[in-house]
Structure formats: structure tokens, C-alpha cells
């Protein structure tokens, strides 16, 4: 077999493991927790539908989609770190960097550098595309929590200020989506889905 194709196939088989990494967000029908592959797909569709709300008018849409599809692949090795787990976040960056180097560099060198660069761009949030992608990544679980009546928030004793602090950077990628997020947070408090 072509050595390049062999490396690509091995990577494709490896990333199938993302389907087995479960997050703390319940599906909206509450039947089970969402897995990382479903989360990435959901974000990609959200990016297509909500791009008009991006804070920047000139976005490379394909770059946003690429980032959203690969941003959580590192969780195959690093695991999913719960958004409100302070202890888990202490070594998250190191765990994910190690995972990125192992996973992405399974690919041929040109693709490895490209995908690693996309992942770093997403993590650093310095470009309009990465800020919008990161905004969607924060908004999606907030929507899940709201429409499951705060199931994950309640389970972990999460409070209003924690959710505001965690999601504040949505505004960097989309002021309008930050307004939506703030509305959902305040309404969740009013409805008893989220503790004050």
C-alpha cells in the first residue's frame, strides 16, 4: 500500500475512538451523555447556520469547520475535562498538547503540521475564525444544559456566576451569540435550572 495512504488510514481508524469519549452534556432527549464526535458534528452544523452572527464579517468558513471537526480529537488521549473542574484544568493543557503531538503526527508530515496548526489556532483564539469556533464550542453545551432543564448544572452544583465566567469569551467571537447565551443563563436561573 502507498505509505502516505497507510498513515492516513491509520489516523482515520484512530480517530474513530472519539465516538467513545463521553462528555458531561446530556443529549437533549436526556437518554444519555453526548460523545465528542457528536459534539464536533453538532458544532460544524451550528457554524454553517450561525455564521451570520460571527463578530467578523470576513470569515474563512472552511477554516472554521476544519477547526471544529478536529478541536476535540486530542481528547482521545487526554480525556474530556469537565468545563467546571478546576483540578482537571490544572494539567489539561499539557495532556492535550501531548495528545496532539501523538495523534496529529501519525499523519504524513504536511497534514500533521496543518492539523496541528489548526488545533493550536483554535486553542489560542487569536484569529476571527478561532474566536467564532470557540464561541460555538462554549454555546453548544450551554444550549444543551438549558434545554435539559439544567440537568448537568444541577448534577454538579454549578451556579450562575460560574456559567457566566466560563462562557464570557463567546462575546469575542459573536456579540449576538453572547447576548443569546446571557439570555439563556438568566432565564435558566428564573426557571430554576441554574442556581443563583
C-alpha atoms as a PDB file:
ATOM      1  CA  UNK A   1       0.000   0.000   0.000  1.00  0.00           C
ATOM      2  CA  UNK A   2       1.037   3.589  -0.620  1.00  0.00           C
ATOM      3  CA  UNK A   3       2.871   4.649   2.631  1.00  0.00           C
ATOM      4  CA  UNK A   4       1.091   8.031   2.713  1.00  0.00           C
ATOM      5  CA  UNK A   5      -2.316   6.401   2.358  1.00  0.00           C
ATOM      6  CA  UNK A   6      -1.361   3.854   5.038  1.00  0.00           C
ATOM      7  CA  UNK A   7      -0.607   6.666   7.532  1.00  0.00           C
ATOM      8  CA  UNK A   8      -3.875   8.421   6.652  1.00  0.00           C
ATOM      9  CA  UNK A   9      -5.840   5.196   7.090  1.00  0.00           C
ATOM     10  CA  UNK A  10      -4.213   4.534  10.484  1.00  0.00           C
ATOM     11  CA  UNK A  11      -5.179   8.047  11.604  1.00  0.00           C
ATOM     12  CA  UNK A  12      -8.748   7.563  10.339  1.00  0.00           C
ATOM     13  CA  UNK A  13      -9.001   4.341  12.355  1.00  0.00           C
ATOM     14  CA  UNK A  14      -7.503   6.039  15.432  1.00  0.00           C
ATOM     15  CA  UNK A  15      -9.940   8.956  15.433  1.00  0.00           C
ATOM     16  CA  UNK A  16     -12.881   6.546  15.484  1.00  0.00           C
ATOM     17  CA  UNK A  17     -12.098   6.431  19.225  1.00  0.00           C
ATOM     18  CA  UNK A  18     -13.621   9.914  19.556  1.00  0.00           C
ATOM     19  CA  UNK A  19     -17.042   8.240  19.401  1.00  0.00           C
ATOM     20  CA  UNK A  20     -16.239   6.613  22.752  1.00  0.00           C
ATOM     21  CA  UNK A  21     -15.283   9.782  24.646  1.00  0.00           C
ATOM     22  CA  UNK A  22     -18.341  10.947  26.544  1.00  0.00           C
ATOM     23  CA  UNK A  23     -18.945  14.485  27.683  1.00  0.00           C
ATOM     24  CA  UNK A  24     -20.964  15.740  30.676  1.00  0.00           C
ATOM     25  CA  UNK A  25     -23.699  17.162  28.435  1.00  0.00           C
ATOM     26  CA  UNK A  26     -26.820  15.093  28.058  1.00  0.00           C
ATOM     27  CA  UNK A  27     -28.472  14.722  24.688  1.00  0.00           C
ATOM     28  CA  UNK A  28     -31.494  16.972  24.532  1.00  0.00           C
ATOM     29  CA  UNK A  29     -33.777  13.953  24.892  1.00  0.00           C
ATOM     30  CA  UNK A  30     -31.797  13.128  28.084  1.00  0.00           C
ATOM     31  CA  UNK A  31     -31.340   9.482  27.066  1.00  0.00           C
ATOM     32  CA  UNK A  32     -27.546   9.509  27.517  1.00  0.00           C
ATOM     33  CA  UNK A  33     -24.451  11.679  27.545  1.00  0.00           C
ATOM     34  CA  UNK A  34     -23.210  13.139  24.273  1.00  0.00           C
ATOM     35  CA  UNK A  35     -19.967  11.820  22.811  1.00  0.00           C
ATOM     36  CA  UNK A  36     -17.194  14.018  21.411  1.00  0.00           C
ATOM     37  CA  UNK A  37     -17.829  13.020  17.781  1.00  0.00           C
ATOM     38  CA  UNK A  38     -21.476  14.071  18.080  1.00  0.00           C
ATOM     39  CA  UNK A  39     -20.401  17.326  19.708  1.00  0.00           C
ATOM     40  CA  UNK A  40     -17.996  18.110  16.846  1.00  0.00           C
ATOM     41  CA  UNK A  41     -20.624  17.335  14.200  1.00  0.00           C
ATOM     42  CA  UNK A  42     -23.197  19.481  16.010  1.00  0.00           C
ATOM     43  CA  UNK A  43     -20.746  22.394  16.163  1.00  0.00           C
ATOM     44  CA  UNK A  44     -19.972  22.121  12.452  1.00  0.00           C
ATOM     45  CA  UNK A  45     -23.670  22.369  11.594  1.00  0.00           C
ATOM     46  CA  UNK A  46     -24.071  25.277  14.032  1.00  0.00           C
ATOM     47  CA  UNK A  47     -21.187  27.064  12.264  1.00  0.00           C
ATOM     48  CA  UNK A  48     -22.971  26.699   8.931  1.00  0.00           C
ATOM     49  CA  UNK A  49     -26.265  28.002  10.308  1.00  0.00           C
ATOM     50  CA  UNK A  50     -24.994  30.772  12.591  1.00  0.00           C
ATOM     51  CA  UNK A  51     -22.109  32.240  10.586  1.00  0.00           C
ATOM     52  CA  UNK A  52     -24.100  35.445  10.027  1.00  0.00           C
ATOM     53  CA  UNK A  53     -23.631  36.171  13.749  1.00  0.00           C
ATOM     54  CA  UNK A  54     -19.837  35.965  13.677  1.00  0.00           C
ATOM     55  CA  UNK A  55     -18.216  39.085  15.078  1.00  0.00           C
ATOM     56  CA  UNK A  56     -16.127  39.457  11.918  1.00  0.00           C
ATOM     57  CA  UNK A  57     -17.700  39.860   8.501  1.00  0.00           C
ATOM     58  CA  UNK A  58     -14.892  38.200   6.536  1.00  0.00           C
ATOM     59  CA  UNK A  59     -14.510  34.641   7.798  1.00  0.00           C
ATOM     60  CA  UNK A  60     -12.868  31.683   6.139  1.00  0.00           C
ATOM     61  CA  UNK A  61     -15.843  29.355   6.671  1.00  0.00           C
ATOM     62  CA  UNK A  62     -13.962  26.233   5.709  1.00  0.00           C
ATOM     63  CA  UNK A  63     -11.241  27.019   8.265  1.00  0.00           C
ATOM     64  CA  UNK A  64     -13.914  27.346  10.991  1.00  0.00           C
ATOM     65  CA  UNK A  65     -15.360  23.951  10.015  1.00  0.00           C
ATOM     66  CA  UNK A  66     -11.912  22.360   9.964  1.00  0.00           C
ATOM     67  CA  UNK A  67     -11.163  23.640  13.467  1.00  0.00           C
ATOM     68  CA  UNK A  68     -14.483  22.440  14.837  1.00  0.00           C
ATOM     69  CA  UNK A  69     -14.034  18.980  13.362  1.00  0.00           C
ATOM     70  CA  UNK A  70     -10.545  18.448  14.818  1.00  0.00           C
ATOM     71  CA  UNK A  71     -10.512  20.537  18.032  1.00  0.00           C
ATOM     72  CA  UNK A  72     -11.523  17.691  20.360  1.00  0.00           C
ATOM     73  CA  UNK A  73      -9.523  14.869  18.752  1.00  0.00           C
ATOM     74  CA  UNK A  74      -6.932  15.354  21.496  1.00  0.00           C
ATOM     75  CA  UNK A  75      -9.493  14.051  23.978  1.00  0.00           C
ATOM     76  CA  UNK A  76      -8.881  10.549  22.593  1.00  0.00           C
ATOM     77  CA  UNK A  77      -5.742  10.555  24.771  1.00  0.00           C
ATOM     78  CA  UNK A  78      -6.371  13.452  27.167  1.00  0.00           C
ATOM     79  CA  UNK A  79      -9.991  12.629  28.002  1.00  0.00           C
ATOM     80  CA  UNK A  80     -12.784  15.156  28.302  1.00  0.00           C
ATOM     81  CA  UNK A  81     -12.156  17.708  31.047  1.00  0.00           C
ATOM     82  CA  UNK A  82     -15.408  18.900  32.582  1.00  0.00           C
ATOM     83  CA  UNK A  83     -15.811  22.622  31.996  1.00  0.00           C
ATOM     84  CA  UNK A  84     -16.136  23.420  35.719  1.00  0.00           C
ATOM     85  CA  UNK A  85     -13.469  21.035  37.044  1.00  0.00           C
ATOM     86  CA  UNK A  86     -10.748  23.352  38.380  1.00  0.00           C
ATOM     87  CA  UNK A  87      -8.436  20.474  39.299  1.00  0.00           C
ATOM     88  CA  UNK A  88      -8.845  18.832  35.893  1.00  0.00           C
ATOM     89  CA  UNK A  89      -7.875  22.084  34.191  1.00  0.00           C
ATOM     90  CA  UNK A  90      -4.539  22.264  36.046  1.00  0.00           C
ATOM     91  CA  UNK A  91      -2.811  19.849  33.659  1.00  0.00           C
ATOM     92  CA  UNK A  92      -5.297  19.975  30.767  1.00  0.00           C
ATOM     93  CA  UNK A  93      -3.017  21.987  28.508  1.00  0.00           C
ATOM     94  CA  UNK A  94      -0.110  19.578  28.972  1.00  0.00           C
ATOM     95  CA  UNK A  95      -2.285  16.475  28.496  1.00  0.00           C
ATOM     96  CA  UNK A  96      -3.827  17.898  25.339  1.00  0.00           C
ATOM     97  CA  UNK A  97      -0.505  19.065  23.896  1.00  0.00           C
ATOM     98  CA  UNK A  98       0.948  15.569  24.358  1.00  0.00           C
ATOM     99  CA  UNK A  99      -2.145  14.072  22.762  1.00  0.00           C
ATOM    100  CA  UNK A 100      -1.976  16.494  19.820  1.00  0.00           C
ATOM    101  CA  UNK A 101       1.639  15.573  19.133  1.00  0.00           C
ATOM    102  CA  UNK A 102       0.945  11.841  19.243  1.00  0.00           C
ATOM    103  CA  UNK A 103      -2.271  11.882  17.235  1.00  0.00           C
ATOM    104  CA  UNK A 104      -1.646  14.511  14.583  1.00  0.00           C
ATOM    105  CA  UNK A 105       1.889  13.351  13.880  1.00  0.00           C
ATOM    106  CA  UNK A 106       0.583   9.931  12.921  1.00  0.00           C
ATOM    107  CA  UNK A 107      -0.262  11.646   9.629  1.00  0.00           C
ATOM    108  CA  UNK A 108       2.125  12.442   6.780  1.00  0.00           C
ATOM    109  CA  UNK A 109       4.245  15.475   7.789  1.00  0.00           C
ATOM    110  CA  UNK A 110       2.390  18.068   5.674  1.00  0.00           C
ATOM    111  CA  UNK A 111      -1.008  17.046   7.046  1.00  0.00           C
ATOM    112  CA  UNK A 112       0.357  16.658  10.574  1.00  0.00           C
ATOM    113  CA  UNK A 113       1.652  20.243  10.592  1.00  0.00           C
ATOM    114  CA  UNK A 114      -1.565  21.553   9.037  1.00  0.00           C
ATOM    115  CA  UNK A 115      -3.906  19.857  11.529  1.00  0.00           C
ATOM    116  CA  UNK A 116      -1.654  20.624  14.482  1.00  0.00           C
ATOM    117  CA  UNK A 117      -1.633  24.280  13.355  1.00  0.00           C
ATOM    118  CA  UNK A 118      -5.443  24.328  13.154  1.00  0.00           C
ATOM    119  CA  UNK A 119      -5.678  22.882  16.665  1.00  0.00           C
ATOM    120  CA  UNK A 120      -3.213  25.462  18.050  1.00  0.00           C
ATOM    121  CA  UNK A 121      -5.129  28.253  16.305  1.00  0.00           C
ATOM    122  CA  UNK A 122      -8.375  27.086  17.920  1.00  0.00           C
ATOM    123  CA  UNK A 123      -6.754  26.890  21.349  1.00  0.00           C
ATOM    124  CA  UNK A 124      -5.125  30.339  21.134  1.00  0.00           C
ATOM    125  CA  UNK A 125      -8.259  32.201  19.887  1.00  0.00           C
ATOM    126  CA  UNK A 126      -6.227  34.883  18.097  1.00  0.00           C
ATOM    127  CA  UNK A 127      -7.960  34.793  14.698  1.00  0.00           C
ATOM    128  CA  UNK A 128     -11.555  35.688  13.811  1.00  0.00           C
ATOM    129  CA  UNK A 129     -12.147  32.075  12.747  1.00  0.00           C
ATOM    130  CA  UNK A 130     -10.840  30.622  16.005  1.00  0.00           C
ATOM    131  CA  UNK A 131     -12.803  33.103  18.116  1.00  0.00           C
ATOM    132  CA  UNK A 132     -16.028  32.209  16.308  1.00  0.00           C
ATOM    133  CA  UNK A 133     -15.303  28.470  16.530  1.00  0.00           C
ATOM    134  CA  UNK A 134     -14.541  28.787  20.259  1.00  0.00           C
ATOM    135  CA  UNK A 135     -17.736  30.792  20.798  1.00  0.00           C
ATOM    136  CA  UNK A 136     -19.772  27.977  19.264  1.00  0.00           C
ATOM    137  CA  UNK A 137     -17.866  25.415  21.346  1.00  0.00           C
ATOM    138  CA  UNK A 138     -18.985  27.220  24.514  1.00  0.00           C
ATOM    139  CA  UNK A 139     -22.529  27.964  23.328  1.00  0.00           C
ATOM    140  CA  UNK A 140     -23.425  24.394  22.370  1.00  0.00           C
ATOM    141  CA  UNK A 141     -23.192  22.828  25.863  1.00  0.00           C
ATOM    142  CA  UNK A 142     -24.953  25.854  27.319  1.00  0.00           C
ATOM    143  CA  UNK A 143     -27.850  25.184  24.930  1.00  0.00           C
ATOM    144  CA  UNK A 144     -27.826  21.521  25.966  1.00  0.00           C
ATOM    145  CA  UNK A 145     -27.977  22.488  29.630  1.00  0.00           C
ATOM    146  CA  UNK A 146     -30.779  24.947  29.059  1.00  0.00           C
ATOM    147  CA  UNK A 147     -32.947  22.529  27.079  1.00  0.00           C
ATOM    148  CA  UNK A 148     -32.387  19.671  29.534  1.00  0.00           C
ATOM    149  CA  UNK A 149     -33.558  21.974  32.336  1.00  0.00           C
ATOM    150  CA  UNK A 150     -30.048  22.280  33.726  1.00  0.00           C
ATOM    151  CA  UNK A 151     -29.521  18.579  34.247  1.00  0.00           C
ATOM    152  CA  UNK A 152     -25.703  18.723  34.176  1.00  0.00           C
ATOM    153  CA  UNK A 153     -25.568  22.029  36.050  1.00  0.00           C
ATOM    154  CA  UNK A 154     -27.747  20.614  38.832  1.00  0.00           C
ATOM    155  CA  UNK A 155     -25.832  17.340  38.979  1.00  0.00           C
ATOM    156  CA  UNK A 156     -22.564  19.205  39.602  1.00  0.00           C
ATOM    157  CA  UNK A 157     -23.893  22.103  41.709  1.00  0.00           C
ATOM    158  CA  UNK A 158     -22.972  24.742  39.124  1.00  0.00           C
ATOM    159  CA  UNK A 159     -24.017  28.333  39.792  1.00  0.00           C
ATOM    160  CA  UNK A 160     -24.889  31.327  37.607  1.00  0.00           C
ATOM    161  CA  UNK A 161     -21.573  33.171  38.034  1.00  0.00           C
ATOM    162  CA  UNK A 162     -19.578  30.076  37.085  1.00  0.00           C
ATOM    163  CA  UNK A 163     -21.529  29.767  33.843  1.00  0.00           C
ATOM    164  CA  UNK A 164     -21.121  33.469  33.075  1.00  0.00           C
ATOM    165  CA  UNK A 165     -17.378  33.347  33.759  1.00  0.00           C
ATOM    166  CA  UNK A 166     -16.851  30.166  31.743  1.00  0.00           C
ATOM    167  CA  UNK A 167     -18.739  31.427  28.711  1.00  0.00           C
ATOM    168  CA  UNK A 168     -17.817  35.123  28.673  1.00  0.00           C
ATOM    169  CA  UNK A 169     -15.459  34.749  25.714  1.00  0.00           C
ATOM    170  CA  UNK A 170     -18.408  33.896  23.454  1.00  0.00           C
ATOM    171  CA  UNK A 171     -18.581  37.690  23.034  1.00  0.00           C
ATOM    172  CA  UNK A 172     -15.138  37.675  21.359  1.00  0.00           C
ATOM    173  CA  UNK A 173     -16.475  35.501  18.548  1.00  0.00           C
ATOM    174  CA  UNK A 174     -20.019  36.821  18.406  1.00  0.00           C
ATOM    175  CA  UNK A 175     -21.603  39.627  20.429  1.00  0.00           C
ATOM    176  CA  UNK A 176     -25.073  38.482  19.314  1.00  0.00           C
ATOM    177  CA  UNK A 177     -24.499  34.900  20.412  1.00  0.00           C
ATOM    178  CA  UNK A 178     -23.190  36.190  23.750  1.00  0.00           C
ATOM    179  CA  UNK A 179     -26.490  38.055  24.158  1.00  0.00           C
ATOM    180  CA  UNK A 180     -28.307  34.791  23.449  1.00  0.00           C
ATOM    181  CA  UNK A 181     -26.103  32.977  25.975  1.00  0.00           C
ATOM    182  CA  UNK A 182     -26.742  35.610  28.643  1.00  0.00           C
ATOM    183  CA  UNK A 183     -30.485  35.404  27.993  1.00  0.00           C
ATOM    184  CA  UNK A 184     -30.415  31.601  28.350  1.00  0.00           C
ATOM    185  CA  UNK A 185     -28.378  31.838  31.562  1.00  0.00           C
ATOM    186  CA  UNK A 186     -30.694  34.404  33.160  1.00  0.00           C
ATOM    187  CA  UNK A 187     -33.796  32.514  32.053  1.00  0.00           C
ATOM    188  CA  UNK A 188     -32.301  29.280  33.423  1.00  0.00           C
ATOM    189  CA  UNK A 189     -31.898  30.976  36.809  1.00  0.00           C
ATOM    190  CA  UNK A 190     -35.504  32.254  36.696  1.00  0.00           C
ATOM    191  CA  UNK A 191     -36.792  28.786  35.829  1.00  0.00           C
ATOM    192  CA  UNK A 192     -34.704  27.053  38.500  1.00  0.00           C
ATOM    193  CA  UNK A 193     -32.459  25.192  36.042  1.00  0.00           C
ATOM    194  CA  UNK A 194     -29.369  27.004  37.362  1.00  0.00           C
ATOM    195  CA  UNK A 195     -28.631  28.060  40.917  1.00  0.00           C
ATOM    196  CA  UNK A 196     -28.111  31.773  41.619  1.00  0.00           C
END
